[in-house]
Amino acid sequence: MRTVLTIAGSDCSGGAGIQADLKTITAFGMYGMSVITALTVQNTRGVFAVSETGESVLKGQLDAVLSDITPDAVKIGMLPSEKSVLLVAEALKTYRHGQVVLDPVMVSTSGRRLMDKLAMEAAFHELYPLVSVITPNVPEAEVIGGRRISTPEDMEQAALGISDRFHGAVLVKGGHMPGNANDCLASLGTARWFPGKRLDVKNSHGTGCTLSSAIACGLAAGWELETAVKKAKQYLTGALKNEPGLGHGNGPLNHCYRIPELSLEEAEDE
């Protein structure tokens, strides 16, 4: 069985973070492991509080998992502080692991900052050069690349610039752009576009976590990066189209839409 490790924050409402990652990994038929970097108090209406995992517990989780089960891929999400960034970077240098997908979770959809400035600078210098692919949305790409993004041409130039800076692949997601939802993947000086139709759905909580986890699953399966991105986008589209309609705000996706339901009668028979 392929294994994927997610290093991220916990979303008690189940729509994003560790919970979304593990659901996605399960939907791809893989074994998910988790290192929790923070506990958040949140639901479909917003993030109300964040409690960072203590340094000894964070390091303990990293050591416990990586010293025992070597992941075929690693997905990194919320890293709230400089220390958490440095601990994760050190673990990646110390232990064997597969390719690494980093979703630069900087600000929640509801507008709450989830990564302080020192953490951001530490990530740029110590963590980003270690990962295989970075998956920023447009606002995050503007921060990382230091340039405004208003057009598809801006997206492509930002992706190429970030890729060149950190010597890895970058997928700039176009969900914040007007019109379509096309994504741009840059690697080794070239860019490729992945078209995406904007869906008329109300619930999109956890899309970034889900997409990056799905890409990690594709890489764990041994797919080429472009194939992993294409398949991840297809999975995300299905999860959005099959939204369960939960909560009173920006609700979650249906991560299990392609997993057959087990009726209560069938469960009892087993």
C-alpha atoms as a PDB file:
ATOM      1  CA  MET A   1       0.000   0.000   0.000  1.00  0.00           C
ATOM      2  CA  ARG A   2       1.255   3.477  -0.892  1.00  0.00           C
ATOM      3  CA  THR A   3       1.700   5.856   2.024  1.00  0.00           C
ATOM      4  CA  VAL A   4       1.223   9.620   2.248  1.00  0.00           C
ATOM      5  CA  LEU A   5       2.107  11.854   5.198  1.00  0.00           C
ATOM      6  CA  THR A   6       0.242  15.104   5.751  1.00  0.00           C
ATOM      7  CA  ILE A   7       1.809  17.799   7.934  1.00  0.00           C
ATOM      8  CA  ALA A   8      -0.861  20.408   8.594  1.00  0.00           C
ATOM      9  CA  GLY A   9      -3.338  21.984  11.001  1.00  0.00           C
ATOM     10  CA  SER A  10      -6.496  20.325  12.290  1.00  0.00           C
ATOM     11  CA  ASP A  11      -9.949  21.559  11.223  1.00  0.00           C
ATOM     12  CA  CYS A  12     -12.507  20.440  13.809  1.00  0.00           C
ATOM     13  CA  SER A  13     -15.334  20.885  11.285  1.00  0.00           C
ATOM     14  CA  GLY A  14     -13.672  18.338   8.984  1.00  0.00           C
ATOM     15  CA  GLY A  15     -13.605  20.354   5.786  1.00  0.00           C
ATOM     16  CA  ALA A  16      -9.954  21.394   5.501  1.00  0.00           C
ATOM     17  CA  GLY A  17      -6.526  20.706   6.963  1.00  0.00           C
ATOM     18  CA  ILE A  18      -5.583  17.267   8.283  1.00  0.00           C
ATOM     19  CA  GLN A  19      -9.148  16.001   7.994  1.00  0.00           C
ATOM     20  CA  ALA A  20      -9.513  16.935   4.324  1.00  0.00           C
ATOM     21  CA  ASP A  21      -6.073  15.522   3.585  1.00  0.00           C
ATOM     22  CA  LEU A  22      -6.775  12.134   5.172  1.00  0.00           C
ATOM     23  CA  LYS A  23     -10.136  11.842   3.416  1.00  0.00           C
ATOM     24  CA  THR A  24      -8.461  12.598   0.090  1.00  0.00           C
ATOM     25  CA  ILE A  25      -5.668  10.090   0.706  1.00  0.00           C
ATOM     26  CA  THR A  26      -8.266   7.441   1.581  1.00  0.00           C
ATOM     27  CA  ALA A  27     -10.254   8.240  -1.570  1.00  0.00           C
ATOM     28  CA  PHE A  28      -7.093   7.463  -3.571  1.00  0.00           C
ATOM     29  CA  GLY A  29      -6.799   4.106  -1.816  1.00  0.00           C
ATOM     30  CA  MET A  30      -3.661   4.999   0.095  1.00  0.00           C
ATOM     31  CA  TYR A  31      -2.568   4.894   3.729  1.00  0.00           C
ATOM     32  CA  GLY A  32      -2.593   8.324   5.351  1.00  0.00           C
ATOM     33  CA  MET A  33      -0.451   9.487   8.266  1.00  0.00           C
ATOM     34  CA  SER A  34      -0.594  12.865   9.961  1.00  0.00           C
ATOM     35  CA  VAL A  35       1.522  15.329  11.910  1.00  0.00           C
ATOM     36  CA  ILE A  36      -0.653  18.056  13.443  1.00  0.00           C
ATOM     37  CA  THR A  37       0.974  21.492  13.533  1.00  0.00           C
ATOM     38  CA  ALA A  38      -1.925  23.364  15.145  1.00  0.00           C
ATOM     39  CA  LEU A  39      -5.443  22.972  16.468  1.00  0.00           C
ATOM     40  CA  THR A  40      -7.921  25.409  14.977  1.00  0.00           C
ATOM     41  CA  VAL A  41     -11.354  26.429  16.172  1.00  0.00           C
ATOM     42  CA  GLN A  42     -13.268  26.748  12.928  1.00  0.00           C
ATOM     43  CA  ASN A  43     -16.342  25.796  10.971  1.00  0.00           C
ATOM     44  CA  THR A  44     -17.915  26.738   7.664  1.00  0.00           C
ATOM     45  CA  ARG A  45     -18.290  30.334   8.859  1.00  0.00           C
ATOM     46  CA  GLY A  46     -14.627  31.026   9.658  1.00  0.00           C
ATOM     47  CA  VAL A  47     -11.562  30.449  11.839  1.00  0.00           C
ATOM     48  CA  PHE A  48     -12.023  31.697  15.386  1.00  0.00           C
ATOM     49  CA  ALA A  49      -8.866  30.574  17.218  1.00  0.00           C
ATOM     50  CA  VAL A  50      -5.557  28.800  16.586  1.00  0.00           C
ATOM     51  CA  SER A  51      -3.458  26.883  19.128  1.00  0.00           C
ATOM     52  CA  GLU A  52      -0.021  25.953  17.843  1.00  0.00           C
ATOM     53  CA  THR A  53       1.367  22.495  18.635  1.00  0.00           C
ATOM     54  CA  GLY A  54       4.227  22.650  21.142  1.00  0.00           C
ATOM     55  CA  GLU A  55       7.744  22.197  19.785  1.00  0.00           C
ATOM     56  CA  SER A  56       8.452  18.913  21.605  1.00  0.00           C
ATOM     57  CA  VAL A  57       5.149  17.382  20.505  1.00  0.00           C
ATOM     58  CA  LEU A  58       5.581  18.529  16.903  1.00  0.00           C
ATOM     59  CA  LYS A  59       9.116  17.147  16.739  1.00  0.00           C
ATOM     60  CA  GLY A  60       7.940  13.964  18.460  1.00  0.00           C
ATOM     61  CA  GLN A  61       5.240  13.400  15.858  1.00  0.00           C
ATOM     62  CA  LEU A  62       7.688  13.937  13.000  1.00  0.00           C
ATOM     63  CA  ASP A  63      10.271  11.585  14.495  1.00  0.00           C
ATOM     64  CA  ALA A  64       7.694   8.930  15.396  1.00  0.00           C
ATOM     65  CA  VAL A  65       6.174   8.720  11.931  1.00  0.00           C
ATOM     66  CA  LEU A  66       9.229   9.234   9.742  1.00  0.00           C
ATOM     67  CA  SER A  67      11.447   6.846  11.711  1.00  0.00           C
ATOM     68  CA  ASP A  68       8.899   4.041  11.312  1.00  0.00           C
ATOM     69  CA  ILE A  69       6.874   4.350   8.091  1.00  0.00           C
ATOM     70  CA  THR A  70       8.617   5.926   5.104  1.00  0.00           C
ATOM     71  CA  PRO A  71       6.046   7.976   3.173  1.00  0.00           C
ATOM     72  CA  ASP A  72       5.898   7.675  -0.603  1.00  0.00           C
ATOM     73  CA  ALA A  73       4.913  11.359  -0.634  1.00  0.00           C
ATOM     74  CA  VAL A  74       4.554  14.192   1.855  1.00  0.00           C
ATOM     75  CA  LYS A  75       1.996  17.006   1.806  1.00  0.00           C
ATOM     76  CA  ILE A  76       2.707  20.123   3.896  1.00  0.00           C
ATOM     77  CA  GLY A  77       0.008  22.620   4.793  1.00  0.00           C
ATOM     78  CA  MET A  78      -0.332  25.028   7.705  1.00  0.00           C
ATOM     79  CA  LEU A  79       2.920  25.930   9.481  1.00  0.00           C
ATOM     80  CA  PRO A  80       2.043  28.764  11.882  1.00  0.00           C
ATOM     81  CA  SER A  81       5.470  29.749  13.231  1.00  0.00           C
ATOM     82  CA  GLU A  82       9.147  29.993  12.386  1.00  0.00           C
ATOM     83  CA  LYS A  83       9.943  27.121  14.753  1.00  0.00           C
ATOM     84  CA  SER A  84       7.410  24.806  13.120  1.00  0.00           C
ATOM     85  CA  VAL A  85       8.898  25.587   9.714  1.00  0.00           C
ATOM     86  CA  LEU A  86      12.424  24.842  10.929  1.00  0.00           C
ATOM     87  CA  LEU A  87      11.388  21.577  12.625  1.00  0.00           C
ATOM     88  CA  VAL A  88       9.692  20.312   9.462  1.00  0.00           C
ATOM     89  CA  ALA A  89      12.659  21.349   7.296  1.00  0.00           C
ATOM     90  CA  GLU A  90      15.052  19.514   9.618  1.00  0.00           C
ATOM     91  CA  ALA A  91      12.888  16.380   9.542  1.00  0.00           C
ATOM     92  CA  LEU A  92      12.857  16.388   5.730  1.00  0.00           C
ATOM     93  CA  LYS A  93      16.659  16.587   5.754  1.00  0.00           C
ATOM     94  CA  THR A  94      16.984  13.795   8.337  1.00  0.00           C
ATOM     95  CA  TYR A  95      14.566  11.088   7.176  1.00  0.00           C
ATOM     96  CA  ARG A  96      13.868   9.266   3.925  1.00  0.00           C
ATOM     97  CA  HIS A  97      10.666  10.278   2.145  1.00  0.00           C
ATOM     98  CA  GLY A  98       9.099  10.599  -1.271  1.00  0.00           C
ATOM     99  CA  GLN A  99       8.295  13.770  -3.168  1.00  0.00           C
ATOM    100  CA  VAL A 100       6.984  16.745  -1.193  1.00  0.00           C
ATOM    101  CA  VAL A 101       3.974  18.929  -2.066  1.00  0.00           C
ATOM    102  CA  LEU A 102       3.736  22.223  -0.188  1.00  0.00           C
ATOM    103  CA  ASP A 103       0.490  24.181   0.018  1.00  0.00           C
ATOM    104  CA  PRO A 104       1.534  27.613   1.381  1.00  0.00           C
ATOM    105  CA  VAL A 105      -1.374  28.186   3.771  1.00  0.00           C
ATOM    106  CA  MET A 106      -0.955  31.860   4.649  1.00  0.00           C
ATOM    107  CA  VAL A 107      -4.469  33.214   5.144  1.00  0.00           C
ATOM    108  CA  SER A 108      -7.773  31.381   5.648  1.00  0.00           C
ATOM    109  CA  THR A 109     -10.661  31.855   3.232  1.00  0.00           C
ATOM    110  CA  SER A 110     -12.389  33.927   5.927  1.00  0.00           C
ATOM    111  CA  GLY A 111      -9.375  36.258   6.091  1.00  0.00           C
ATOM    112  CA  ARG A 112      -7.555  35.093   9.237  1.00  0.00           C
ATOM    113  CA  ARG A 113      -3.737  35.060   8.980  1.00  0.00           C
ATOM    114  CA  LEU A 114      -2.450  31.520   9.574  1.00  0.00           C
ATOM    115  CA  MET A 115       1.298  32.108   9.123  1.00  0.00           C
ATOM    116  CA  ASP A 116       3.318  34.927  10.696  1.00  0.00           C
ATOM    117  CA  LYS A 117       5.994  36.927   8.867  1.00  0.00           C
ATOM    118  CA  LEU A 118       8.946  35.167  10.514  1.00  0.00           C
ATOM    119  CA  ALA A 119       7.489  31.789   9.541  1.00  0.00           C
ATOM    120  CA  MET A 120       7.084  32.985   5.974  1.00  0.00           C
ATOM    121  CA  GLU A 121      10.696  34.134   5.729  1.00  0.00           C
ATOM    122  CA  ALA A 122      11.954  30.893   7.274  1.00  0.00           C
ATOM    123  CA  ALA A 123       9.888  28.899   4.773  1.00  0.00           C
ATOM    124  CA  PHE A 124      11.367  30.806   1.848  1.00  0.00           C
ATOM    125  CA  HIS A 125      14.939  30.130   2.982  1.00  0.00           C
ATOM    126  CA  GLU A 126      14.784  26.707   4.646  1.00  0.00           C
ATOM    127  CA  LEU A 127      11.736  24.794   3.404  1.00  0.00           C
ATOM    128  CA  TYR A 128      10.765  25.802  -0.126  1.00  0.00           C
ATOM    129  CA  PRO A 129      14.098  24.653  -1.637  1.00  0.00           C
ATOM    130  CA  LEU A 130      13.431  21.140  -0.243  1.00  0.00           C
ATOM    131  CA  VAL A 131      10.023  20.524  -1.827  1.00  0.00           C
ATOM    132  CA  SER A 132       9.030  19.094  -5.209  1.00  0.00           C
ATOM    133  CA  VAL A 133       6.085  21.371  -5.981  1.00  0.00           C
ATOM    134  CA  ILE A 134       4.501  24.432  -4.381  1.00  0.00           C
ATOM    135  CA  THR A 135       0.764  25.078  -4.907  1.00  0.00           C
ATOM    136  CA  PRO A 136      -0.058  28.743  -4.132  1.00  0.00           C
ATOM    137  CA  ASN A 137      -3.300  30.454  -5.024  1.00  0.00           C
ATOM    138  CA  VAL A 138      -3.046  33.863  -6.680  1.00  0.00           C
ATOM    139  CA  PRO A 139      -2.822  35.974  -3.473  1.00  0.00           C
ATOM    140  CA  GLU A 140      -0.165  33.621  -2.084  1.00  0.00           C
ATOM    141  CA  ALA A 141       1.757  33.680  -5.374  1.00  0.00           C
ATOM    142  CA  GLU A 142       1.739  37.483  -5.201  1.00  0.00           C
ATOM    143  CA  VAL A 143       3.358  37.358  -1.757  1.00  0.00           C
ATOM    144  CA  ILE A 144       5.901  34.687  -2.693  1.00  0.00           C
ATOM    145  CA  GLY A 145       6.771  36.197  -6.056  1.00  0.00           C
ATOM    146  CA  GLY A 146       6.565  39.848  -4.995  1.00  0.00           C
ATOM    147  CA  ARG A 147       4.439  40.925  -7.949  1.00  0.00           C
ATOM    148  CA  ARG A 148       0.812  41.715  -8.705  1.00  0.00           C
ATOM    149  CA  ILE A 149      -1.179  39.161 -10.698  1.00  0.00           C
ATOM    150  CA  SER A 150      -4.045  40.497 -12.777  1.00  0.00           C
ATOM    151  CA  THR A 151      -3.879  38.541 -16.023  1.00  0.00           C
ATOM    152  CA  PRO A 152      -3.039  35.006 -17.201  1.00  0.00           C
ATOM    153  CA  GLU A 153       0.277  36.367 -18.424  1.00  0.00           C
ATOM    154  CA  ASP A 154       0.993  37.622 -14.904  1.00  0.00           C
ATOM    155  CA  MET A 155       0.154  34.160 -13.521  1.00  0.00           C
ATOM    156  CA  GLU A 156       2.556  32.474 -15.900  1.00  0.00           C
ATOM    157  CA  GLN A 157       5.380  34.900 -15.179  1.00  0.00           C
ATOM    158  CA  ALA A 158       4.818  34.544 -11.440  1.00  0.00           C
ATOM    159  CA  ALA A 159       4.888  30.748 -11.681  1.00  0.00           C
ATOM    160  CA  LEU A 160       8.083  30.802 -13.749  1.00  0.00           C
ATOM    161  CA  GLY A 161       9.717  33.297 -11.387  1.00  0.00           C
ATOM    162  CA  ILE A 162       8.885  31.311  -8.242  1.00  0.00           C
ATOM    163  CA  SER A 163       9.992  28.070  -9.889  1.00  0.00           C
ATOM    164  CA  ASP A 164      13.329  29.616 -10.854  1.00  0.00           C
ATOM    165  CA  ARG A 165      13.824  31.104  -7.374  1.00  0.00           C
ATOM    166  CA  PHE A 166      13.326  27.833  -5.505  1.00  0.00           C
ATOM    167  CA  HIS A 167      14.487  25.408  -8.221  1.00  0.00           C
ATOM    168  CA  GLY A 168      11.300  23.361  -8.154  1.00  0.00           C
ATOM    169  CA  ALA A 169       7.866  23.116  -9.726  1.00  0.00           C
ATOM    170  CA  VAL A 170       5.112  25.633  -8.965  1.00  0.00           C
ATOM    171  CA  LEU A 171       1.379  25.316  -9.631  1.00  0.00           C
ATOM    172  CA  VAL A 172      -0.328  28.713  -9.423  1.00  0.00           C
ATOM    173  CA  LYS A 173      -4.041  28.060  -8.963  1.00  0.00           C
ATOM    174  CA  GLY A 174      -6.440  30.311 -10.829  1.00  0.00           C
ATOM    175  CA  GLY A 175      -9.481  30.092  -8.585  1.00  0.00           C
ATOM    176  CA  HIS A 176      -9.165  33.756  -7.590  1.00  0.00           C
ATOM    177  CA  MET A 177      -8.993  34.952 -11.191  1.00  0.00           C
ATOM    178  CA  PRO A 178     -12.124  36.209 -12.994  1.00  0.00           C
ATOM    179  CA  GLY A 179     -13.743  33.940 -15.550  1.00  0.00           C
ATOM    180  CA  ASN A 180     -12.281  30.462 -15.775  1.00  0.00           C
ATOM    181  CA  ALA A 181     -10.339  28.525 -13.128  1.00  0.00           C
ATOM    182  CA  ASN A 182      -7.226  27.670 -15.125  1.00  0.00           C
ATOM    183  CA  ASP A 183      -4.042  26.670 -13.285  1.00  0.00           C
ATOM    184  CA  CYS A 184      -0.471  27.261 -14.457  1.00  0.00           C
ATOM    185  CA  LEU A 185       2.328  24.771 -13.760  1.00  0.00           C
ATOM    186  CA  ALA A 186       5.915  25.976 -14.156  1.00  0.00           C
ATOM    187  CA  SER A 187       8.986  23.759 -14.021  1.00  0.00           C
ATOM    188  CA  LEU A 188      12.485  23.909 -15.515  1.00  0.00           C
ATOM    189  CA  GLY A 189      11.780  27.141 -17.342  1.00  0.00           C
ATOM    190  CA  THR A 190       8.603  26.012 -19.085  1.00  0.00           C
ATOM    191  CA  ALA A 191       4.936  26.526 -18.260  1.00  0.00           C
ATOM    192  CA  ARG A 192       1.872  24.415 -18.952  1.00  0.00           C
ATOM    193  CA  TRP A 193      -1.749  25.415 -18.458  1.00  0.00           C
ATOM    194  CA  PHE A 194      -4.433  23.145 -17.026  1.00  0.00           C
ATOM    195  CA  PRO A 195      -7.887  24.406 -18.035  1.00  0.00           C
ATOM    196  CA  GLY A 196     -10.639  24.395 -15.466  1.00  0.00           C
ATOM    197  CA  LYS A 197     -14.275  25.437 -15.734  1.00  0.00           C
ATOM    198  CA  ARG A 198     -15.529  27.583 -12.857  1.00  0.00           C
ATOM    199  CA  LEU A 199     -18.313  25.711 -11.093  1.00  0.00           C
ATOM    200  CA  ASP A 200     -21.423  27.409  -9.773  1.00  0.00           C
ATOM    201  CA  VAL A 201     -21.178  25.920  -6.281  1.00  0.00           C
ATOM    202  CA  LYS A 202     -21.617  27.483  -2.853  1.00  0.00           C
ATOM    203  CA  ASN A 203     -19.332  25.188  -0.899  1.00  0.00           C
ATOM    204  CA  SER A 204     -15.571  25.255  -1.503  1.00  0.00           C
ATOM    205  CA  HIS A 205     -14.087  24.962   1.989  1.00  0.00           C
ATOM    206  CA  GLY A 206     -10.816  23.020   1.817  1.00  0.00           C
ATOM    207  CA  THR A 207     -10.191  23.109  -1.940  1.00  0.00           C
ATOM    208  CA  GLY A 208      -6.505  23.993  -1.575  1.00  0.00           C
ATOM    209  CA  CYS A 209      -5.861  21.255   0.978  1.00  0.00           C
ATOM    210  CA  THR A 210      -7.708  18.735  -1.152  1.00  0.00           C
ATOM    211  CA  LEU A 211      -5.907  19.559  -4.392  1.00  0.00           C
ATOM    212  CA  SER A 212      -2.430  19.457  -2.859  1.00  0.00           C
ATOM    213  CA  SER A 213      -3.176  16.166  -1.110  1.00  0.00           C
ATOM    214  CA  ALA A 214      -4.493  14.668  -4.335  1.00  0.00           C
ATOM    215  CA  ILE A 215      -1.306  15.738  -6.145  1.00  0.00           C
ATOM    216  CA  ALA A 216       0.736  14.101  -3.383  1.00  0.00           C
ATOM    217  CA  CYS A 217      -1.235  10.895  -3.911  1.00  0.00           C
ATOM    218  CA  GLY A 218      -0.488  10.975  -7.613  1.00  0.00           C
ATOM    219  CA  LEU A 219       3.216  11.410  -6.947  1.00  0.00           C
ATOM    220  CA  ALA A 220       3.096   8.601  -4.367  1.00  0.00           C
ATOM    221  CA  ALA A 221       1.600   6.387  -7.076  1.00  0.00           C
ATOM    222  CA  GLY A 222       4.592   7.129  -9.299  1.00  0.00           C
ATOM    223  CA  TRP A 223       2.790   9.372 -11.795  1.00  0.00           C
ATOM    224  CA  GLU A 224       4.592  12.177 -13.570  1.00  0.00           C
ATOM    225  CA  LEU A 225       3.822  15.596 -12.056  1.00  0.00           C
ATOM    226  CA  GLU A 226       1.659  16.726 -14.973  1.00  0.00           C
ATOM    227  CA  THR A 227      -0.437  13.566 -14.731  1.00  0.00           C
ATOM    228  CA  ALA A 228      -0.738  13.977 -10.950  1.00  0.00           C
ATOM    229  CA  VAL A 229      -1.964  17.564 -11.379  1.00  0.00           C
ATOM    230  CA  LYS A 230      -4.469  16.591 -14.082  1.00  0.00           C
ATOM    231  CA  LYS A 231      -5.910  13.715 -12.041  1.00  0.00           C
ATOM    232  CA  ALA A 232      -5.994  15.849  -8.888  1.00  0.00           C
ATOM    233  CA  LYS A 233      -7.988  18.559 -10.658  1.00  0.00           C
ATOM    234  CA  GLN A 234     -10.443  15.934 -11.916  1.00  0.00           C
ATOM    235  CA  TYR A 235     -10.905  14.587  -8.387  1.00  0.00           C
ATOM    236  CA  LEU A 236     -11.384  18.095  -6.969  1.00  0.00           C
ATOM    237  CA  THR A 237     -13.985  18.902  -9.623  1.00  0.00           C
ATOM    238  CA  GLY A 238     -15.947  15.794  -8.682  1.00  0.00           C
ATOM    239  CA  ALA A 239     -15.749  16.615  -4.977  1.00  0.00           C
ATOM    240  CA  LEU A 240     -17.049  20.131  -5.688  1.00  0.00           C
ATOM    241  CA  LYS A 241     -19.872  18.960  -7.950  1.00  0.00           C
ATOM    242  CA  ASN A 242     -21.034  16.503  -5.295  1.00  0.00           C
ATOM    243  CA  GLU A 243     -21.009  19.030  -2.437  1.00  0.00           C
ATOM    244  CA  PRO A 244     -22.933  17.644   0.581  1.00  0.00           C
ATOM    245  CA  GLY A 245     -24.437  21.024   1.530  1.00  0.00           C
ATOM    246  CA  LEU A 246     -23.360  21.003   5.175  1.00  0.00           C
ATOM    247  CA  GLY A 247     -23.072  23.966   7.519  1.00  0.00           C
ATOM    248  CA  HIS A 248     -24.324  27.543   7.373  1.00  0.00           C
ATOM    249  CA  GLY A 249     -21.360  29.137   5.603  1.00  0.00           C
ATOM    250  CA  ASN A 250     -18.770  28.075   3.023  1.00  0.00           C
ATOM    251  CA  GLY A 251     -19.333  24.342   3.373  1.00  0.00           C
ATOM    252  CA  PRO A 252     -17.049  21.368   2.695  1.00  0.00           C
ATOM    253  CA  LEU A 253     -16.520  19.258  -0.392  1.00  0.00           C
ATOM    254  CA  ASN A 254     -17.593  15.645  -0.742  1.00  0.00           C
ATOM    255  CA  HIS A 255     -14.215  13.897  -0.540  1.00  0.00           C
ATOM    256  CA  CYS A 256     -15.862  10.477  -0.628  1.00  0.00           C
ATOM    257  CA  TYR A 257     -18.012  11.011  -3.720  1.00  0.00           C
ATOM    258  CA  ARG A 258     -16.383   8.158  -5.617  1.00  0.00           C
ATOM    259  CA  ILE A 259     -16.305   5.716  -2.694  1.00  0.00           C
ATOM    260  CA  PRO A 260     -19.330   3.361  -2.810  1.00  0.00           C
ATOM    261  CA  GLU A 261     -21.671   3.818   0.143  1.00  0.00           C
ATOM    262  CA  LEU A 262     -22.043   0.903   2.541  1.00  0.00           C
ATOM    263  CA  SER A 263     -25.622   0.544   3.694  1.00  0.00           C
ATOM    264  CA  LEU A 264     -26.437  -0.184   7.327  1.00  0.00           C
ATOM    265  CA  GLU A 265     -27.752  -3.602   6.284  1.00  0.00           C
ATOM    266  CA  GLU A 266     -24.480  -4.460   4.532  1.00  0.00           C
ATOM    267  CA  ALA A 267     -22.449  -3.256   7.513  1.00  0.00           C
ATOM    268  CA  GLU A 268     -24.480  -5.467   9.846  1.00  0.00           C
ATOM    269  CA  ASP A 269     -23.972  -8.470   7.560  1.00  0.00           C
ATOM    270  CA  GLU A 270     -20.213  -8.040   7.775  1.00  0.00           C
END
